[in-house]
Structures are given as C-alpha cells and as structure tokens.
Amino acid sequence: MPRLLLAFVLLLLPSSVLAARPDPSGRGRYAVGRTQITFTKTSVTTGQPRPLDTVIWYPAVPGTGTLERNINVLRDAAVLERRWPLVLFSHGACAFPGQSPFFTEGLASWGFVVAAPPHPGSTIQDPTCFSVPGFADSAPNRVADIRFVLDQMLALAKQPGSPFAGRIKRRRIGMSGHSFGGYTTLRVLPEDDRFRAGVALAPAVIASLGLGLTARVRQPTIVMVGEHDTETPLDPVGRGAFALLDGPRFLVELPNTGHCAFAV
C-alpha cells in the first residue's frame, strides 16, 4: 500500500525536485501537522448552508503544536516554510475525512498539503448515506465541495497571516479519493484543469446506482482496485473507470486487498 504514495509523489513532483527516489516502504522525512478549518458554501441541490469542516495535513515544524494521542501527528503545528504541492481528498460513502490516514498522513510526510472536506449527507453520521437518493444528492455536491475547498485553500495561500500563506504550489495540485470519493475524483478532473493529476482508489463508477460517468479525463491518472474487492471489482468497475482516461493512465490491481483496505 505505501507504493501508492510513491505513485502520487512521482505524478505530481517533477524529477528535478526529487532529491532522492522516495522509499515506498515507510513515511517521508517531514513531521506531520494536522489542523481543521471550516469552510461554508451553499448546497447545489437544496440551497441550504453546507459547512465543510475540512481536515488538513501538512509538513510541520517539529516541536510545534500538540502531539495527538495514539497518532503520530502534531495538532495545529506551524507549517514548514516552503511551497508544497496540494492534494484534495474525497472520502467514501458513509465515511469521514479522517479515513485513509496511511495516504493523507503519508503524503504530508513526503511534502504535500492534503485537504479533506466532509461531504454532508454522505458521512458516517448520515442515515441515507448509502442509498440511491443519497447518492443522487451527494454526487453533484461532492464535486462542488472539492472545487470550493480548492478555491479556499488557494485563497489562504495568498492571505497574509494565514498559516498557509506562501505555502502552496498552485501548479502542483492533485485529486484523490476512495470509493464514492474515487468516483468524485474522476468526475472532478474533467471539470477543473487546476488539478494536474489524480489517483482514484476503488472508484465506485456504477451506473446502476446513478454513478455513471461519460466525461473523459485528460490528466495523468491512476486507477487502483483490490484483488478481493467485491464492491468495485476490477471487472467491470475498475476497467470501466480506466476506459474513461484519455491522458497518461495506469491501472493497478493490488493483490490480497479488499475494498475497505484503502480506508484504513
């Protein structure tokens, strides 16, 4: 699974800035900070306020912030002084922004800022999160959530006094997500060319659930599925998602891996 981190590092970072080939067997060299910022937008389906309590991981200044109990991150630590690539992460249905810490924290340890908003109506707290009506409401809102949070992160990068002022590389932005978030990834990429690359983890591109896609993806993209995934299996779901990719593309089936392995 750590090789997934290597894949994203190589997709988003030019070879000229890689001092050494990343070691996929472990974390990177940076301390990891974590903070939360609430961005509020309007639902595209109901017109109601939609608060997005966005979790952000980033390379941190060691010795600052508060060490989180049981996890190796520093809460509200200072952001290490440098411009970093940015990745937006979309959680799965009935999940939450803190899923997939191997990926989000791992990327931060390798020198990425990772922003993961919740998708209200599609979180673990929502009773209709795994229903066709829930999917129908969430799908367009998820895309709008991601694009809005990207707008806000880029605004913070230009805002004097913001912890992320001068800390984000505007031309090194990636998109990723798991399951429904993988679907979100493949839907966002054709709509927003600010995203330069994508990694879709077990993407739920399932037309029978109202989650079909037709738009073509031109950015370099990796589709990853698990050998033992019965929810979004390689055939037909993984290959169907892969067929949407017109740019540089990679299809990876991980052995001895199920659907939820990407979420832990």
Protein backbone atom coordinates (compact mmCIF):
# COMPACT_ATOMS: atom_id res chain seq x y z
CA MET A 1 0.00 0.00 0.00
CA PRO A 2 2.78 2.56 0.65
CA ARG A 3 3.70 2.28 -3.05
CA LEU A 4 0.52 4.26 -3.70
CA LEU A 5 2.24 7.22 -2.04
CA LEU A 6 5.21 6.80 -4.33
CA ALA A 7 2.89 6.85 -7.33
CA PHE A 8 1.40 10.20 -6.37
CA VAL A 9 4.79 11.68 -5.49
CA LEU A 10 6.10 10.79 -8.93
CA LEU A 11 2.95 12.07 -10.67
CA LEU A 12 2.96 15.50 -9.04
CA LEU A 13 6.60 16.27 -8.36
CA PRO A 14 8.97 16.99 -11.25
CA SER A 15 12.07 14.84 -11.18
CA SER A 16 14.23 17.91 -10.71
CA VAL A 17 12.88 18.47 -7.18
CA LEU A 18 13.22 14.89 -6.00
CA ALA A 19 16.47 14.84 -4.06
CA ALA A 20 16.25 11.06 -3.84
CA ARG A 21 13.87 8.38 -5.01
CA PRO A 22 11.13 8.07 -2.36
CA ASP A 23 11.23 4.90 -0.28
CA PRO A 24 7.74 3.35 -0.60
CA SER A 25 8.25 1.19 2.49
CA GLY A 26 7.74 3.96 5.05
CA ARG A 27 6.95 7.58 5.87
CA GLY A 28 8.81 10.52 4.50
CA ARG A 29 11.20 12.78 6.36
CA TYR A 30 8.80 15.53 7.43
CA ALA A 31 6.90 15.82 10.69
CA VAL A 32 3.15 15.86 10.01
CA GLY A 33 0.82 18.56 11.23
CA ARG A 34 -2.97 18.44 11.25
CA THR A 35 -5.50 21.21 11.59
CA GLN A 36 -9.17 21.77 10.81
CA ILE A 37 -10.77 24.74 9.08
CA THR A 38 -14.49 25.18 8.44
CA PHE A 39 -15.48 26.50 5.02
CA THR A 40 -19.19 27.10 4.39
CA LYS A 41 -20.83 27.02 0.97
CA THR A 42 -24.35 26.57 -0.39
CA SER A 43 -25.73 23.18 -1.38
CA VAL A 44 -26.22 22.92 -5.13
CA THR A 45 -29.32 20.76 -4.63
CA THR A 46 -31.12 22.38 -1.68
CA GLY A 47 -29.72 25.91 -1.46
CA GLN A 48 -29.05 25.38 2.25
CA PRO A 49 -25.76 26.23 4.01
CA ARG A 50 -23.25 23.41 3.77
CA PRO A 51 -20.48 23.64 6.40
CA LEU A 52 -17.33 21.74 5.44
CA ASP A 53 -15.16 21.00 8.49
CA THR A 54 -12.07 20.34 6.41
CA VAL A 55 -9.16 18.37 7.84
CA ILE A 56 -5.74 19.45 6.56
CA TRP A 57 -2.45 17.58 6.90
CA TYR A 58 0.87 19.22 6.04
CA PRO A 59 4.65 19.16 6.59
CA ALA A 60 5.10 20.68 10.05
CA VAL A 61 7.79 22.40 12.06
CA PRO A 62 8.98 19.79 14.59
CA GLY A 63 8.34 20.68 18.21
CA THR A 64 5.34 22.91 17.49
CA GLY A 65 1.68 22.11 18.07
CA THR A 66 0.35 19.33 20.28
CA LEU A 67 1.13 15.65 19.74
CA GLU A 68 -2.15 13.85 19.03
CA ARG A 69 -2.75 10.86 21.28
CA ASN A 70 -2.30 7.47 19.55
CA ILE A 71 -1.40 9.02 16.19
CA ASN A 72 1.87 10.46 15.00
CA VAL A 73 0.70 13.94 14.04
CA LEU A 74 1.03 17.40 15.58
CA ARG A 75 -2.24 19.25 16.07
CA ASP A 76 -2.17 22.88 14.88
CA ALA A 77 1.59 22.82 14.37
CA ALA A 78 3.32 25.51 12.31
CA VAL A 79 3.50 24.79 8.58
CA LEU A 80 7.08 24.20 7.46
CA GLU A 81 8.31 27.20 5.47
CA ARG A 82 8.28 26.25 1.81
CA ARG A 83 5.76 25.92 -1.04
CA TRP A 84 4.22 22.43 -1.15
CA PRO A 85 2.08 20.53 -3.67
CA LEU A 86 -1.59 20.33 -2.69
CA VAL A 87 -3.86 17.27 -2.83
CA LEU A 88 -7.63 17.27 -2.29
CA PHE A 89 -9.01 14.01 -0.85
CA SER A 90 -12.65 12.85 -1.07
CA HIS A 91 -13.87 10.23 1.40
CA GLY A 92 -16.11 7.28 0.57
CA ALA A 93 -19.86 6.91 1.16
CA CYS A 94 -20.73 6.68 4.86
CA ALA A 95 -17.18 7.62 5.78
CA PHE A 96 -15.36 10.72 7.04
CA PRO A 97 -12.38 12.97 6.18
CA GLY A 98 -10.02 11.15 8.55
CA GLN A 99 -10.23 7.85 6.68
CA SER A 100 -7.14 6.59 4.82
CA PRO A 101 -4.51 8.04 7.20
CA PHE A 102 -1.85 5.88 5.52
CA PHE A 103 -2.46 8.05 2.45
CA THR A 104 -3.21 11.50 3.84
CA GLU A 105 -0.61 11.49 6.62
CA GLY A 106 1.83 9.62 4.41
CA LEU A 107 1.61 12.24 1.67
CA ALA A 108 2.15 15.02 4.21
CA SER A 109 5.27 13.24 5.45
CA TRP A 110 6.59 13.28 1.88
CA GLY A 111 5.97 17.00 1.44
CA PHE A 112 2.32 17.54 0.47
CA VAL A 113 -0.51 19.60 1.89
CA VAL A 114 -3.64 17.38 1.91
CA ALA A 115 -7.12 18.87 2.39
CA ALA A 116 -10.06 16.52 3.03
CA PRO A 117 -13.54 18.02 3.39
CA PRO A 118 -16.55 16.07 4.64
CA HIS A 119 -19.42 15.61 2.23
CA PRO A 120 -22.58 16.33 4.29
CA GLY A 121 -25.27 13.76 3.55
CA SER A 122 -22.61 11.18 2.70
CA THR A 123 -20.81 10.81 6.03
CA ILE A 124 -20.93 8.05 8.62
CA GLN A 125 -23.44 10.13 10.60
CA ASP A 126 -26.00 10.39 7.79
CA PRO A 127 -28.76 7.72 7.73
CA THR A 128 -29.26 7.96 3.94
CA CYS A 129 -25.55 7.92 3.10
CA PHE A 130 -25.79 4.55 1.33
CA SER A 131 -28.95 4.93 -0.71
CA VAL A 132 -29.69 5.83 -4.32
CA PRO A 133 -31.43 9.11 -3.29
CA GLY A 134 -28.44 9.89 -1.09
CA PHE A 135 -26.05 9.24 -3.97
CA ALA A 136 -28.14 11.43 -6.30
CA ASP A 137 -27.99 14.35 -3.87
CA SER A 138 -24.36 13.85 -2.93
CA ALA A 139 -22.76 13.38 -6.35
CA PRO A 140 -23.10 16.98 -7.63
CA ASN A 141 -22.47 18.41 -4.18
CA ARG A 142 -19.25 16.43 -3.81
CA VAL A 143 -17.83 17.96 -6.98
CA ALA A 144 -18.84 21.43 -5.81
CA ASP A 145 -17.38 20.74 -2.33
CA ILE A 146 -13.99 19.82 -3.76
CA ARG A 147 -13.79 22.77 -6.14
CA PHE A 148 -14.91 25.17 -3.40
CA VAL A 149 -12.34 23.88 -0.91
CA LEU A 150 -9.65 24.21 -3.57
CA ASP A 151 -10.72 27.84 -4.07
CA GLN A 152 -10.48 28.42 -0.31
CA MET A 153 -7.07 26.75 0.05
CA LEU A 154 -5.66 28.85 -2.79
CA ALA A 155 -7.16 31.97 -1.21
CA LEU A 156 -5.48 31.09 2.11
CA ALA A 157 -2.18 30.70 0.26
CA LYS A 158 -2.42 34.38 -0.74
CA GLN A 159 -3.85 35.70 2.53
CA PRO A 160 -1.33 37.46 4.81
CA GLY A 161 -1.35 35.92 8.26
CA SER A 162 -2.85 32.63 7.11
CA PRO A 163 -0.90 29.54 8.23
CA PHE A 164 -0.81 28.52 4.56
CA ALA A 165 0.28 31.90 3.18
CA GLY A 166 3.03 31.24 0.65
CA ARG A 167 2.91 27.50 1.37
CA ILE A 168 1.11 26.03 -1.68
CA LYS A 169 2.36 25.37 -5.21
CA ARG A 170 -0.54 26.49 -7.37
CA ARG A 171 0.64 24.45 -10.37
CA ARG A 172 1.13 21.21 -8.44
CA ILE A 173 -2.38 20.22 -7.39
CA GLY A 174 -3.72 16.68 -7.33
CA MET A 175 -7.03 14.97 -6.65
CA SER A 176 -7.73 11.64 -4.96
CA GLY A 177 -10.49 9.75 -3.21
CA HIS A 178 -11.77 6.33 -2.23
CA SER A 179 -14.91 4.54 -3.48
CA PHE A 180 -17.55 7.31 -3.85
CA GLY A 181 -14.55 9.61 -3.46
CA GLY A 182 -12.84 7.77 -6.31
CA TYR A 183 -15.92 8.47 -8.43
CA THR A 184 -15.71 12.09 -7.27
CA THR A 185 -12.08 12.19 -8.38
CA LEU A 186 -12.93 11.03 -11.90
CA ARG A 187 -15.82 13.49 -12.09
CA VAL A 188 -13.83 16.48 -10.82
CA LEU A 189 -10.80 16.05 -13.08
CA PRO A 190 -12.57 16.78 -16.41
CA GLU A 191 -14.30 19.81 -14.88
CA ASP A 192 -11.30 21.54 -13.33
CA ASP A 193 -7.94 21.71 -15.06
CA ARG A 194 -6.29 23.16 -11.96
CA PHE A 195 -5.90 19.52 -10.94
CA ARG A 196 -2.78 18.21 -12.64
CA ALA A 197 -3.07 14.51 -11.71
CA GLY A 198 -5.40 12.06 -9.99
CA VAL A 199 -5.46 8.80 -8.07
CA ALA A 200 -8.85 7.04 -7.89
CA LEU A 201 -8.93 4.33 -5.20
CA ALA A 202 -11.54 1.64 -5.86
CA PRO A 203 -13.72 4.18 -7.70
CA ALA A 204 -17.46 3.50 -7.48
CA VAL A 205 -18.32 4.24 -11.11
CA ILE A 206 -21.55 2.22 -11.03
CA ALA A 207 -24.32 3.32 -13.40
CA SER A 208 -26.99 1.21 -11.65
CA LEU A 209 -26.52 3.39 -8.55
CA GLY A 210 -26.76 6.57 -10.60
CA LEU A 211 -22.98 6.93 -10.54
CA GLY A 212 -22.17 6.60 -14.22
CA LEU A 213 -19.62 8.81 -15.95
CA THR A 214 -19.04 9.82 -19.56
CA ALA A 215 -16.63 12.78 -19.40
CA ARG A 216 -13.08 11.99 -20.45
CA VAL A 217 -10.13 12.52 -18.10
CA ARG A 218 -7.03 14.02 -19.71
CA GLN A 219 -4.77 14.46 -16.67
CA PRO A 220 -2.33 11.68 -15.70
CA THR A 221 -4.41 9.34 -13.55
CA ILE A 222 -4.01 6.10 -11.63
CA VAL A 223 -6.98 3.78 -11.00
CA MET A 224 -6.33 1.32 -8.17
CA VAL A 225 -8.52 -1.62 -7.18
CA GLY A 226 -8.11 -4.56 -4.83
CA GLU A 227 -7.93 -8.17 -5.97
CA HIS A 228 -10.64 -9.19 -3.48
CA ASP A 229 -12.86 -6.11 -3.85
CA THR A 230 -16.45 -7.30 -4.31
CA GLU A 231 -17.99 -3.79 -4.25
CA THR A 232 -15.94 -2.15 -7.02
CA PRO A 233 -14.16 -5.13 -8.63
CA LEU A 234 -11.62 -4.86 -11.41
CA ASP A 235 -14.18 -6.28 -13.84
CA PRO A 236 -16.28 -4.44 -14.78
CA VAL A 237 -15.91 -1.42 -12.46
CA GLY A 238 -12.17 -0.84 -12.42
CA ARG A 239 -11.73 -1.38 -16.14
CA GLY A 240 -14.80 0.76 -16.85
CA ALA A 241 -13.26 3.63 -14.90
CA PHE A 242 -9.92 3.10 -16.61
CA ALA A 243 -11.64 3.35 -20.00
CA LEU A 244 -12.58 6.97 -19.20
CA LEU A 245 -8.93 8.03 -19.14
CA ASP A 246 -7.54 9.71 -22.26
CA GLY A 247 -4.30 11.02 -20.77
CA PRO A 248 -1.35 9.08 -19.33
CA ARG A 249 -3.05 6.31 -17.39
CA PHE A 250 -2.27 3.43 -15.09
CA LEU A 251 -4.48 0.57 -13.87
CA VAL A 252 -3.26 -1.25 -10.77
CA GLU A 253 -4.78 -4.29 -9.08
CA LEU A 254 -3.39 -4.81 -5.59
CA PRO A 255 -3.12 -8.48 -4.54
CA ASN A 256 -4.84 -9.73 -1.38
CA THR A 257 -6.68 -6.43 -0.99
CA GLY A 258 -10.36 -5.71 -0.39
CA HIS A 259 -12.47 -2.60 -0.87
CA CYS A 260 -12.05 -1.15 2.60
CA ALA A 261 -8.29 -1.73 2.79
CA PHE A 262 -7.86 1.68 1.17
CA ALA A 263 -9.75 3.35 4.03
CA VAL A 264 -7.59 2.31 6.99
